[in-house]
Amino acid sequence: PLLRPGGPPSVVRLPSVPPTMRQSDNPPTDRERVEIEIIKSLIESYFTAVVRKNFVDMVPKTIMHFLVNHARDAVQNELVSELYRDAEVPVLMREAEDVASRRRTCGEM
């Protein structure tokens, strides 16, 4: 794996370049030069259009995700700490008057 728990990422070792992919001593033909330029253009347009757009879209979403989660956790911790104070438990557990009257009415039936 690339990330080890508690340690630096491991080194990724790529296989060596196959002999068919190595640059030869012969200059590229006109057709090869055109193909190279087309491939470069396609790769550049892909990264410009797709990859860059994805990053531009993901950055604000990621920031908002962390901000919202942090705010949610802080608010939840504050609410829970306020809710479970010892002095408040009897008040919170007290039965509402309308519920008590309905319970008494049902019990009398």
PDB file of N, CA and C in Angstrom:
ATOM      1  N   PRO A   1       0.820  -1.201   0.000  1.00  0.00           N
ATOM      2  CA  PRO A   1       0.000   0.000   0.000  1.00  0.00           C
ATOM      3  C   PRO A   1       0.856   1.253   0.000  1.00  0.00           C
ATOM      4  N   LEU A   2       0.292   2.333  -0.496  1.00  0.00           N
ATOM      5  CA  LEU A   2       1.034   3.590  -0.551  1.00  0.00           C
ATOM      6  C   LEU A   2       1.164   4.232   0.818  1.00  0.00           C
ATOM      7  N   LEU A   3       0.136   4.117   1.648  1.00  0.00           N
ATOM      8  CA  LEU A   3       0.186   4.734   2.967  1.00  0.00           C
ATOM      9  C   LEU A   3       0.289   3.650   4.035  1.00  0.00           C
ATOM     10  N   ARG A   4       1.307   3.769   4.844  1.00  0.00           N
ATOM     11  CA  ARG A   4       1.463   2.843   5.953  1.00  0.00           C
ATOM     12  C   ARG A   4       1.019   3.550   7.219  1.00  0.00           C
ATOM     13  N   PRO A   5       0.309   2.867   8.112  1.00  0.00           N
ATOM     14  CA  PRO A   5      -0.113   3.523   9.354  1.00  0.00           C
ATOM     15  C   PRO A   5       1.080   3.978  10.168  1.00  0.00           C
ATOM     16  N   GLY A   6       1.083   5.246  10.502  1.00  0.00           N
ATOM     17  CA  GLY A   6       2.132   5.785  11.348  1.00  0.00           C
ATOM     18  C   GLY A   6       3.469   5.995  10.678  1.00  0.00           C
ATOM     19  N   GLY A   7       3.539   5.863   9.371  1.00  0.00           N
ATOM     20  CA  GLY A   7       4.825   6.025   8.698  1.00  0.00           C
ATOM     21  C   GLY A   7       4.682   6.783   7.401  1.00  0.00           C
ATOM     22  N   PRO A   8       5.808   7.069   6.779  1.00  0.00           N
ATOM     23  CA  PRO A   8       5.756   7.789   5.508  1.00  0.00           C
ATOM     24  C   PRO A   8       5.227   6.879   4.399  1.00  0.00           C
ATOM     25  N   PRO A   9       4.722   7.473   3.328  1.00  0.00           N
ATOM     26  CA  PRO A   9       4.237   6.641   2.223  1.00  0.00           C
ATOM     27  C   PRO A   9       5.381   5.843   1.609  1.00  0.00           C
ATOM     28  N   SER A  10       5.053   4.655   1.140  1.00  0.00           N
ATOM     29  CA  SER A  10       6.082   3.830   0.517  1.00  0.00           C
ATOM     30  C   SER A  10       6.374   4.359  -0.885  1.00  0.00           C
ATOM     31  N   VAL A  11       7.509   3.997  -1.419  1.00  0.00           N
ATOM     32  CA  VAL A  11       7.943   4.457  -2.731  1.00  0.00           C
ATOM     33  C   VAL A  11       7.287   3.593  -3.798  1.00  0.00           C
ATOM     34  N   VAL A  12       6.747   4.247  -4.815  1.00  0.00           N
ATOM     35  CA  VAL A  12       6.140   3.525  -5.927  1.00  0.00           C
ATOM     36  C   VAL A  12       7.215   3.302  -6.974  1.00  0.00           C
ATOM     37  N   ARG A  13       7.428   2.073  -7.339  1.00  0.00           N
ATOM     38  CA  ARG A  13       8.438   1.744  -8.346  1.00  0.00           C
ATOM     39  C   ARG A  13       7.726   1.351  -9.632  1.00  0.00           C
ATOM     40  N   LEU A  14       8.009   2.088 -10.682  1.00  0.00           N
ATOM     41  CA  LEU A  14       7.429   1.805 -11.981  1.00  0.00           C
ATOM     42  C   LEU A  14       8.307   0.825 -12.738  1.00  0.00           C
ATOM     43  N   PRO A  15       7.694   0.003 -13.571  1.00  0.00           N
ATOM     44  CA  PRO A  15       8.514  -0.924 -14.366  1.00  0.00           C
ATOM     45  C   PRO A  15       9.360  -0.135 -15.363  1.00  0.00           C
ATOM     46  N   SER A  16      10.436  -0.738 -15.797  1.00  0.00           N
ATOM     47  CA  SER A  16      11.299  -0.052 -16.761  1.00  0.00           C
ATOM     48  C   SER A  16      10.568   0.099 -18.093  1.00  0.00           C
ATOM     49  N   VAL A  17      10.985   1.069 -18.864  1.00  0.00           N
ATOM     50  CA  VAL A  17      10.358   1.353 -20.151  1.00  0.00           C
ATOM     51  C   VAL A  17      10.679   0.233 -21.125  1.00  0.00           C
ATOM     52  N   PRO A  18       9.649  -0.329 -21.777  1.00  0.00           N
ATOM     53  CA  PRO A  18       9.919  -1.400 -22.745  1.00  0.00           C
ATOM     54  C   PRO A  18      10.751  -0.875 -23.907  1.00  0.00           C
ATOM     55  N   PRO A  19      11.540  -1.742 -24.537  1.00  0.00           N
ATOM     56  CA  PRO A  19      12.403  -1.303 -25.650  1.00  0.00           C
ATOM     57  C   PRO A  19      11.604  -0.677 -26.797  1.00  0.00           C
ATOM     58  N   THR A  20      10.370  -1.114 -27.004  1.00  0.00           N
ATOM     59  CA  THR A  20       9.580  -0.553 -28.106  1.00  0.00           C
ATOM     60  C   THR A  20       9.174   0.879 -27.834  1.00  0.00           C
ATOM     61  N   MET A  21       9.232   1.307 -26.569  1.00  0.00           N
ATOM     62  CA  MET A  21       8.829   2.666 -26.227  1.00  0.00           C
ATOM     63  C   MET A  21      10.013   3.623 -26.131  1.00  0.00           C
ATOM     64  N   ARG A  22      11.203   3.093 -26.156  1.00  0.00           N
ATOM     65  CA  ARG A  22      12.375   3.954 -26.037  1.00  0.00           C
ATOM     66  C   ARG A  22      12.597   4.728 -27.321  1.00  0.00           C
ATOM     67  N   GLN A  23      13.172   5.903 -27.166  1.00  0.00           N
ATOM     68  CA  GLN A  23      13.426   6.754 -28.322  1.00  0.00           C
ATOM     69  C   GLN A  23      14.553   6.149 -29.160  1.00  0.00           C
ATOM     70  N   SER A  24      14.303   6.102 -30.441  1.00  0.00           N
ATOM     71  CA  SER A  24      15.325   5.528 -31.320  1.00  0.00           C
ATOM     72  C   SER A  24      16.252   6.632 -31.824  1.00  0.00           C
ATOM     73  N   ASP A  25      17.316   6.211 -32.493  1.00  0.00           N
ATOM     74  CA  ASP A  25      18.262   7.179 -33.049  1.00  0.00           C
ATOM     75  C   ASP A  25      17.719   7.820 -34.307  1.00  0.00           C
ATOM     76  N   ASN A  26      16.733   7.184 -34.942  1.00  0.00           N
ATOM     77  CA  ASN A  26      16.140   7.728 -36.164  1.00  0.00           C
ATOM     78  C   ASN A  26      15.139   8.825 -35.812  1.00  0.00           C
ATOM     79  N   PRO A  27      15.177   9.921 -36.539  1.00  0.00           N
ATOM     80  CA  PRO A  27      14.186  10.976 -36.275  1.00  0.00           C
ATOM     81  C   PRO A  27      12.787  10.493 -36.674  1.00  0.00           C
ATOM     82  N   PRO A  28      11.751  10.997 -35.985  1.00  0.00           N
ATOM     83  CA  PRO A  28      10.393  10.552 -36.320  1.00  0.00           C
ATOM     84  C   PRO A  28       9.994  11.000 -37.729  1.00  0.00           C
ATOM     85  N   THR A  29       9.197  10.196 -38.353  1.00  0.00           N
ATOM     86  CA  THR A  29       8.696  10.554 -39.690  1.00  0.00           C
ATOM     87  C   THR A  29       7.643  11.638 -39.535  1.00  0.00           C
ATOM     88  N   ASP A  30       7.237  12.196 -40.661  1.00  0.00           N
ATOM     89  CA  ASP A  30       6.203  13.237 -40.617  1.00  0.00           C
ATOM     90  C   ASP A  30       4.913  12.688 -40.021  1.00  0.00           C
ATOM     91  N   ARG A  31       4.555  11.495 -40.397  1.00  0.00           N
ATOM     92  CA  ARG A  31       3.330  10.877 -39.868  1.00  0.00           C
ATOM     93  C   ARG A  31       3.436  10.698 -38.348  1.00  0.00           C
ATOM     94  N   GLU A  32       4.589  10.220 -37.874  1.00  0.00           N
ATOM     95  CA  GLU A  32       4.780  10.029 -36.438  1.00  0.00           C
ATOM     96  C   GLU A  32       4.726  11.365 -35.697  1.00  0.00           C
ATOM     97  N   ARG A  33       5.318  12.392 -36.308  1.00  0.00           N
ATOM     98  CA  ARG A  33       5.287  13.719 -35.698  1.00  0.00           C
ATOM     99  C   ARG A  33       3.847  14.225 -35.570  1.00  0.00           C
ATOM    100  N   VAL A  34       3.051  14.022 -36.607  1.00  0.00           N
ATOM    101  CA  VAL A  34       1.644  14.441 -36.571  1.00  0.00           C
ATOM    102  C   VAL A  34       0.897  13.657 -35.500  1.00  0.00           C
ATOM    103  N   GLU A  35       1.135  12.351 -35.434  1.00  0.00           N
ATOM    104  CA  GLU A  35       0.478  11.517 -34.431  1.00  0.00           C
ATOM    105  C   GLU A  35       0.879  11.943 -33.018  1.00  0.00           C
ATOM    106  N   ILE A  36       2.136  12.265 -32.829  1.00  0.00           N
ATOM    107  CA  ILE A  36       2.618  12.724 -31.522  1.00  0.00           C
ATOM    108  C   ILE A  36       1.909  14.017 -31.133  1.00  0.00           C
ATOM    109  N   GLU A  37       1.806  14.943 -32.062  1.00  0.00           N
ATOM    110  CA  GLU A  37       1.142  16.219 -31.786  1.00  0.00           C
ATOM    111  C   GLU A  37      -0.343  16.010 -31.475  1.00  0.00           C
ATOM    112  N   ILE A  38      -0.980  15.091 -32.198  1.00  0.00           N
ATOM    113  CA  ILE A  38      -2.397  14.802 -31.938  1.00  0.00           C
ATOM    114  C   ILE A  38      -2.563  14.217 -30.539  1.00  0.00           C
ATOM    115  N   ILE A  39      -1.706  13.281 -30.182  1.00  0.00           N
ATOM    116  CA  ILE A  39      -1.785  12.664 -28.854  1.00  0.00           C
ATOM    117  C   ILE A  39      -1.528  13.699 -27.765  1.00  0.00           C
ATOM    118  N   LYS A  40      -0.527  14.560 -27.960  1.00  0.00           N
ATOM    119  CA  LYS A  40      -0.248  15.623 -26.991  1.00  0.00           C
ATOM    120  C   LYS A  40      -1.460  16.531 -26.836  1.00  0.00           C
ATOM    121  N   SER A  41      -2.069  16.891 -27.958  1.00  0.00           N
ATOM    122  CA  SER A  41      -3.243  17.764 -27.927  1.00  0.00           C
ATOM    123  C   SER A  41      -4.411  17.108 -27.200  1.00  0.00           C
ATOM    124  N   LEU A  42      -4.630  15.826 -27.477  1.00  0.00           N
ATOM    125  CA  LEU A  42      -5.726  15.106 -26.815  1.00  0.00           C
ATOM    126  C   LEU A  42      -5.502  15.004 -25.304  1.00  0.00           C
ATOM    127  N   ILE A  43      -4.273  14.694 -24.912  1.00  0.00           N
ATOM    128  CA  ILE A  43      -3.963  14.592 -23.481  1.00  0.00           C
ATOM    129  C   ILE A  43      -4.132  15.948 -22.806  1.00  0.00           C
ATOM    130  N   GLU A  44      -3.613  16.984 -23.442  1.00  0.00           N
ATOM    131  CA  GLU A  44      -3.717  18.329 -22.874  1.00  0.00           C
ATOM    132  C   GLU A  44      -5.174  18.759 -22.747  1.00  0.00           C
ATOM    133  N   SER A  45      -5.980  18.506 -23.778  1.00  0.00           N
ATOM    134  CA  SER A  45      -7.389  18.897 -23.709  1.00  0.00           C
ATOM    135  C   SER A  45      -8.127  18.073 -22.663  1.00  0.00           C
ATOM    136  N   TYR A  46      -7.773  16.804 -22.515  1.00  0.00           N
ATOM    137  CA  TYR A  46      -8.395  15.969 -21.488  1.00  0.00           C
ATOM    138  C   TYR A  46      -8.103  16.536 -20.099  1.00  0.00           C
ATOM    139  N   PHE A  47      -6.826  16.837 -19.831  1.00  0.00           N
ATOM    140  CA  PHE A  47      -6.485  17.357 -18.517  1.00  0.00           C
ATOM    141  C   PHE A  47      -7.087  18.737 -18.294  1.00  0.00           C
ATOM    142  N   THR A  48      -7.131  19.546 -19.338  1.00  0.00           N
ATOM    143  CA  THR A  48      -7.696  20.877 -19.189  1.00  0.00           C
ATOM    144  C   THR A  48      -9.199  20.791 -18.953  1.00  0.00           C
ATOM    145  N   ALA A  49      -9.878  19.967 -19.711  1.00  0.00           N
ATOM    146  CA  ALA A  49     -11.332  19.921 -19.630  1.00  0.00           C
ATOM    147  C   ALA A  49     -11.830  19.068 -18.472  1.00  0.00           C
ATOM    148  N   VAL A  50     -11.343  17.873 -18.352  1.00  0.00           N
ATOM    149  CA  VAL A  50     -11.915  16.918 -17.399  1.00  0.00           C
ATOM    150  C   VAL A  50     -11.253  17.005 -16.033  1.00  0.00           C
ATOM    151  N   VAL A  51      -9.959  16.797 -15.981  1.00  0.00           N
ATOM    152  CA  VAL A  51      -9.268  16.718 -14.698  1.00  0.00           C
ATOM    153  C   VAL A  51      -9.310  18.064 -13.979  1.00  0.00           C
ATOM    154  N   ARG A  52      -9.020  19.127 -14.675  1.00  0.00           N
ATOM    155  CA  ARG A  52      -9.028  20.452 -14.048  1.00  0.00           C
ATOM    156  C   ARG A  52     -10.421  20.798 -13.554  1.00  0.00           C
ATOM    157  N   LYS A  53     -11.441  20.507 -14.355  1.00  0.00           N
ATOM    158  CA  LYS A  53     -12.819  20.788 -13.953  1.00  0.00           C
ATOM    159  C   LYS A  53     -13.189  20.001 -12.708  1.00  0.00           C
ATOM    160  N   ASN A  54     -12.768  18.733 -12.647  1.00  0.00           N
ATOM    161  CA  ASN A  54     -13.055  17.926 -11.465  1.00  0.00           C
ATOM    162  C   ASN A  54     -12.409  18.526 -10.218  1.00  0.00           C
ATOM    163  N   PHE A  55     -11.159  18.967 -10.338  1.00  0.00           N
ATOM    164  CA  PHE A  55     -10.497  19.568  -9.183  1.00  0.00           C
ATOM    165  C   PHE A  55     -11.160  20.881  -8.799  1.00  0.00           C
ATOM    166  N   VAL A  56     -11.500  21.687  -9.787  1.00  0.00           N
ATOM    167  CA  VAL A  56     -12.160  22.964  -9.498  1.00  0.00           C
ATOM    168  C   VAL A  56     -13.497  22.718  -8.802  1.00  0.00           C
ATOM    169  N   ASP A  57     -14.207  21.663  -9.179  1.00  0.00           N
ATOM    170  CA  ASP A  57     -15.474  21.327  -8.542  1.00  0.00           C
ATOM    171  C   ASP A  57     -15.276  20.736  -7.151  1.00  0.00           C
ATOM    172  N   MET A  58     -14.220  19.942  -6.985  1.00  0.00           N
ATOM    173  CA  MET A  58     -14.032  19.220  -5.724  1.00  0.00           C
ATOM    174  C   MET A  58     -13.506  20.098  -4.595  1.00  0.00           C
ATOM    175  N   VAL A  59     -12.721  21.101  -4.893  1.00  0.00           N
ATOM    176  CA  VAL A  59     -12.100  21.902  -3.829  1.00  0.00           C
ATOM    177  C   VAL A  59     -13.151  22.598  -2.966  1.00  0.00           C
ATOM    178  N   PRO A  60     -14.100  23.353  -3.539  1.00  0.00           N
ATOM    179  CA  PRO A  60     -15.103  23.980  -2.666  1.00  0.00           C
ATOM    180  C   PRO A  60     -15.968  22.952  -1.933  1.00  0.00           C
ATOM    181  N   LYS A  61     -16.288  21.854  -2.603  1.00  0.00           N
ATOM    182  CA  LYS A  61     -17.090  20.810  -1.950  1.00  0.00           C
ATOM    183  C   LYS A  61     -16.348  20.220  -0.765  1.00  0.00           C
ATOM    184  N   THR A  62     -15.060  19.996  -0.920  1.00  0.00           N
ATOM    185  CA  THR A  62     -14.269  19.431   0.165  1.00  0.00           C
ATOM    186  C   THR A  62     -14.169  20.410   1.329  1.00  0.00           C
ATOM    187  N   ILE A  63     -13.939  21.667   1.026  1.00  0.00           N
ATOM    188  CA  ILE A  63     -13.859  22.684   2.081  1.00  0.00           C
ATOM    189  C   ILE A  63     -15.185  22.756   2.833  1.00  0.00           C
ATOM    190  N   MET A  64     -16.288  22.808   2.106  1.00  0.00           N
ATOM    191  CA  MET A  64     -17.600  22.874   2.745  1.00  0.00           C
ATOM    192  C   MET A  64     -17.857  21.616   3.565  1.00  0.00           C
ATOM    193  N   HIS A  65     -17.449  20.467   3.058  1.00  0.00           N
ATOM    194  CA  HIS A  65     -17.643  19.215   3.789  1.00  0.00           C
ATOM    195  C   HIS A  65     -16.984  19.297   5.164  1.00  0.00           C
ATOM    196  N   PHE A  66     -15.730  19.738   5.192  1.00  0.00           N
ATOM    197  CA  PHE A  66     -15.023  19.805   6.462  1.00  0.00           C
ATOM    198  C   PHE A  66     -15.581  20.899   7.361  1.00  0.00           C
ATOM    199  N   LEU A  67     -15.951  22.056   6.782  1.00  0.00           N
ATOM    200  CA  LEU A  67     -16.528  23.122   7.594  1.00  0.00           C
ATOM    201  C   LEU A  67     -17.859  22.700   8.194  1.00  0.00           C
ATOM    202  N   VAL A  68     -18.724  22.104   7.374  1.00  0.00           N
ATOM    203  CA  VAL A  68     -20.045  21.701   7.853  1.00  0.00           C
ATOM    204  C   VAL A  68     -19.910  20.597   8.900  1.00  0.00           C
ATOM    205  N   ASN A  69     -19.065  19.618   8.650  1.00  0.00           N
ATOM    206  CA  ASN A  69     -18.890  18.549   9.631  1.00  0.00           C
ATOM    207  C   ASN A  69     -18.338  19.078  10.949  1.00  0.00           C
ATOM    208  N   HIS A  70     -17.384  19.992  10.869  1.00  0.00           N
ATOM    209  CA  HIS A  70     -16.830  20.565  12.095  1.00  0.00           C
ATOM    210  C   HIS A  70     -17.907  21.347  12.849  1.00  0.00           C
ATOM    211  N   ALA A  71     -18.659  22.159  12.141  1.00  0.00           N
ATOM    212  CA  ALA A  71     -19.727  22.935  12.788  1.00  0.00           C
ATOM    213  C   ALA A  71     -20.786  22.002  13.368  1.00  0.00           C
ATOM    214  N   ARG A  72     -21.163  20.972  12.626  1.00  0.00           N
ATOM    215  CA  ARG A  72     -22.162  20.013  13.109  1.00  0.00           C
ATOM    216  C   ARG A  72     -21.690  19.335  14.390  1.00  0.00           C
ATOM    217  N   ASP A  73     -20.440  18.885  14.404  1.00  0.00           N
ATOM    218  CA  ASP A  73     -19.915  18.211  15.587  1.00  0.00           C
ATOM    219  C   ASP A  73     -19.857  19.164  16.787  1.00  0.00           C
ATOM    220  N   ALA A  74     -19.444  20.392  16.551  1.00  0.00           N
ATOM    221  CA  ALA A  74     -19.354  21.366  17.648  1.00  0.00           C
ATOM    222  C   ALA A  74     -20.736  21.666  18.211  1.00  0.00           C
ATOM    223  N   VAL A  75     -21.723  21.869  17.341  1.00  0.00           N
ATOM    224  CA  VAL A  75     -23.084  22.155  17.800  1.00  0.00           C
ATOM    225  C   VAL A  75     -23.654  20.951  18.538  1.00  0.00           C
ATOM    226  N   GLN A  76     -23.437  19.750  18.012  1.00  0.00           N
ATOM    227  CA  GLN A  76     -23.953  18.551  18.663  1.00  0.00           C
ATOM    228  C   GLN A  76     -23.335  18.373  20.048  1.00  0.00           C
ATOM    229  N   ASN A  77     -22.027  18.573  20.162  1.00  0.00           N
ATOM    230  CA  ASN A  77     -21.379  18.452  21.467  1.00  0.00           C
ATOM    231  C   ASN A  77     -21.930  19.465  22.460  1.00  0.00           C
ATOM    232  N   GLU A  78     -22.145  20.683  21.993  1.00  0.00           N
ATOM    233  CA  GLU A  78     -22.696  21.720  22.867  1.00  0.00           C
ATOM    234  C   GLU A  78     -24.119  21.377  23.295  1.00  0.00           C
ATOM    235  N   LEU A  79     -24.939  20.926  22.359  1.00  0.00           N
ATOM    236  CA  LEU A  79     -26.326  20.576  22.691  1.00  0.00           C
ATOM    237  C   LEU A  79     -26.389  19.400  23.658  1.00  0.00           C
ATOM    238  N   VAL A  80     -25.598  18.379  23.419  1.00  0.00           N
ATOM    239  CA  VAL A  80     -25.607  17.204  24.300  1.00  0.00           C
ATOM    240  C   VAL A  80     -25.127  17.583  25.691  1.00  0.00           C
ATOM    241  N   SER A  81     -24.102  18.394  25.776  1.00  0.00           N
ATOM    242  CA  SER A  81     -23.602  18.787  27.101  1.00  0.00           C
ATOM    243  C   SER A  81     -24.642  19.627  27.837  1.00  0.00           C
ATOM    244  N   GLU A  82     -25.379  20.470  27.138  1.00  0.00           N
ATOM    245  CA  GLU A  82     -26.442  21.253  27.771  1.00  0.00           C
ATOM    246  C   GLU A  82     -27.626  20.372  28.147  1.00  0.00           C
ATOM    247  N   LEU A  83     -27.945  19.422  27.312  1.00  0.00           N
ATOM    248  CA  LEU A  83     -29.116  18.574  27.518  1.00  0.00           C
ATOM    249  C   LEU A  83     -28.942  17.651  28.713  1.00  0.00           C
ATOM    250  N   TYR A  84     -27.744  17.134  28.918  1.00  0.00           N
ATOM    251  CA  TYR A  84     -27.521  16.138  29.957  1.00  0.00           C
ATOM    252  C   TYR A  84     -26.957  16.714  31.248  1.00  0.00           C
ATOM    253  N   ARG A  85     -27.142  17.983  31.476  1.00  0.00           N
ATOM    254  CA  ARG A  85     -26.741  18.531  32.779  1.00  0.00           C
ATOM    255  C   ARG A  85     -27.649  17.933  33.843  1.00  0.00           C
ATOM    256  N   ASP A  86     -27.093  17.624  35.006  1.00  0.00           N
ATOM    257  CA  ASP A  86     -27.853  16.954  36.067  1.00  0.00           C
ATOM    258  C   ASP A  86     -29.056  17.760  36.525  1.00  0.00           C
ATOM    259  N   ALA A  87     -28.947  19.070  36.548  1.00  0.00           N
ATOM    260  CA  ALA A  87     -30.048  19.902  37.026  1.00  0.00           C
ATOM    261  C   ALA A  87     -31.226  19.900  36.046  1.00  0.00           C
ATOM    262  N   GLU A  88     -30.973  19.651  34.781  1.00  0.00           N
ATOM    263  CA  GLU A  88     -32.021  19.729  33.765  1.00  0.00           C
ATOM    264  C   GLU A  88     -32.779  18.425  33.574  1.00  0.00           C
ATOM    265  N   VAL A  89     -32.246  17.299  34.006  1.00  0.00           N
ATOM    266  CA  VAL A  89     -32.858  16.000  33.721  1.00  0.00           C
ATOM    267  C   VAL A  89     -34.278  15.905  34.282  1.00  0.00           C
ATOM    268  N   PRO A  90     -34.544  16.270  35.537  1.00  0.00           N
ATOM    269  CA  PRO A  90     -35.931  16.170  36.034  1.00  0.00           C
ATOM    270  C   PRO A  90     -36.914  17.044  35.252  1.00  0.00           C
ATOM    271  N   VAL A  91     -36.478  18.225  34.872  1.00  0.00           N
ATOM    272  CA  VAL A  91     -37.353  19.117  34.105  1.00  0.00           C
ATOM    273  C   VAL A  91     -37.650  18.518  32.735  1.00  0.00           C
ATOM    274  N   LEU A  92     -36.642  17.961  32.092  1.00  0.00           N
ATOM    275  CA  LEU A  92     -36.824  17.380  30.765  1.00  0.00           C
ATOM    276  C   LEU A  92     -37.647  16.100  30.806  1.00  0.00           C
ATOM    277  N   MET A  93     -37.566  15.355  31.900  1.00  0.00           N
ATOM    278  CA  MET A  93     -38.279  14.081  32.002  1.00  0.00           C
ATOM    279  C   MET A  93     -39.706  14.247  32.521  1.00  0.00           C
ATOM    280  N   ARG A  94     -40.091  15.440  32.924  1.00  0.00           N
ATOM    281  CA  ARG A  94     -41.434  15.688  33.455  1.00  0.00           C
ATOM    282  C   ARG A  94     -42.470  15.486  32.352  1.00  0.00           C
ATOM    283  N   GLU A  95     -43.575  14.869  32.721  1.00  0.00           N
ATOM    284  CA  GLU A  95     -44.640  14.588  31.761  1.00  0.00           C
ATOM    285  C   GLU A  95     -45.413  15.866  31.478  1.00  0.00           C
ATOM    286  N   ALA A  96     -45.732  16.086  30.206  1.00  0.00           N
ATOM    287  CA  ALA A  96     -46.495  17.275  29.815  1.00  0.00           C
ATOM    288  C   ALA A  96     -47.913  17.167  30.370  1.00  0.00           C
ATOM    289  N   GLU A  97     -48.517  18.315  30.667  1.00  0.00           N
ATOM    290  CA  GLU A  97     -49.855  18.334  31.275  1.00  0.00           C
ATOM    291  C   GLU A  97     -50.900  17.673  30.396  1.00  0.00           C
ATOM    292  N   ASP A  98     -50.897  17.952  29.099  1.00  0.00           N
ATOM    293  CA  ASP A  98     -51.907  17.360  28.217  1.00  0.00           C
ATOM    294  C   ASP A  98     -51.744  15.848  28.117  1.00  0.00           C
ATOM    295  N   VAL A  99     -50.518  15.358  28.150  1.00  0.00           N
ATOM    296  CA  VAL A  99     -50.276  13.914  28.111  1.00  0.00           C
ATOM    297  C   VAL A  99     -50.751  13.284  29.414  1.00  0.00           C
ATOM    298  N   ALA A 100     -50.489  13.950  30.531  1.00  0.00           N
ATOM    299  CA  ALA A 100     -50.920  13.430  31.831  1.00  0.00           C
ATOM    300  C   ALA A 100     -52.446  13.365  31.903  1.00  0.00           C
ATOM    301  N   SER A 101     -53.130  14.398  31.411  1.00  0.00           N
ATOM    302  CA  SER A 101     -54.604  14.383  31.460  1.00  0.00           C
ATOM    303  C   SER A 101     -55.166  13.302  30.543  1.00  0.00           C
ATOM    304  N   ARG A 102     -54.594  13.086  29.382  1.00  0.00           N
ATOM    305  CA  ARG A 102     -55.066  12.009  28.494  1.00  0.00           C
ATOM    306  C   ARG A 102     -54.811  10.644  29.129  1.00  0.00           C
ATOM    307  N   ARG A 103     -53.686  10.490  29.802  1.00  0.00           N
ATOM    308  CA  ARG A 103     -53.378   9.228  30.472  1.00  0.00           C
ATOM    309  C   ARG A 103     -54.388   8.957  31.582  1.00  0.00           C
ATOM    310  N   ARG A 104     -54.713  10.001  32.368  1.00  0.00           N
ATOM    311  CA  ARG A 104     -55.708   9.828  33.447  1.00  0.00           C
ATOM    312  C   ARG A 104     -57.070   9.491  32.857  1.00  0.00           C
ATOM    313  N   THR A 105     -57.438  10.122  31.747  1.00  0.00           N
ATOM    314  CA  THR A 105     -58.742   9.858  31.105  1.00  0.00           C
ATOM    315  C   THR A 105     -58.788   8.415  30.612  1.00  0.00           C
ATOM    316  N   CYS A 106     -57.720   7.954  30.002  1.00  0.00           N
ATOM    317  CA  CYS A 106     -57.673   6.574  29.511  1.00  0.00           C
ATOM    318  C   CYS A 106     -57.698   5.590  30.674  1.00  0.00           C
ATOM    319  N   GLY A 107     -57.072   5.930  31.774  1.00  0.00           N
ATOM    320  CA  GLY A 107     -57.045   5.052  32.942  1.00  0.00           C
ATOM    321  C   GLY A 107     -58.411   4.940  33.598  1.00  0.00           C
ATOM    322  N   GLU A 108     -59.223   5.982  33.516  1.00  0.00           N
ATOM    323  CA  GLU A 108     -60.555   5.962  34.101  1.00  0.00           C
ATOM    324  C   GLU A 108     -61.546   5.157  33.278  1.00  0.00           C
ATOM    325  N   MET A 109     -61.275   4.897  32.047  1.00  0.00           N
ATOM    326  CA  MET A 109     -62.205   4.165  31.177  1.00  0.00           C
ATOM    327  C   MET A 109     -62.307   2.749  31.540  1.00  0.00           C
TER     328      MET A 109
END
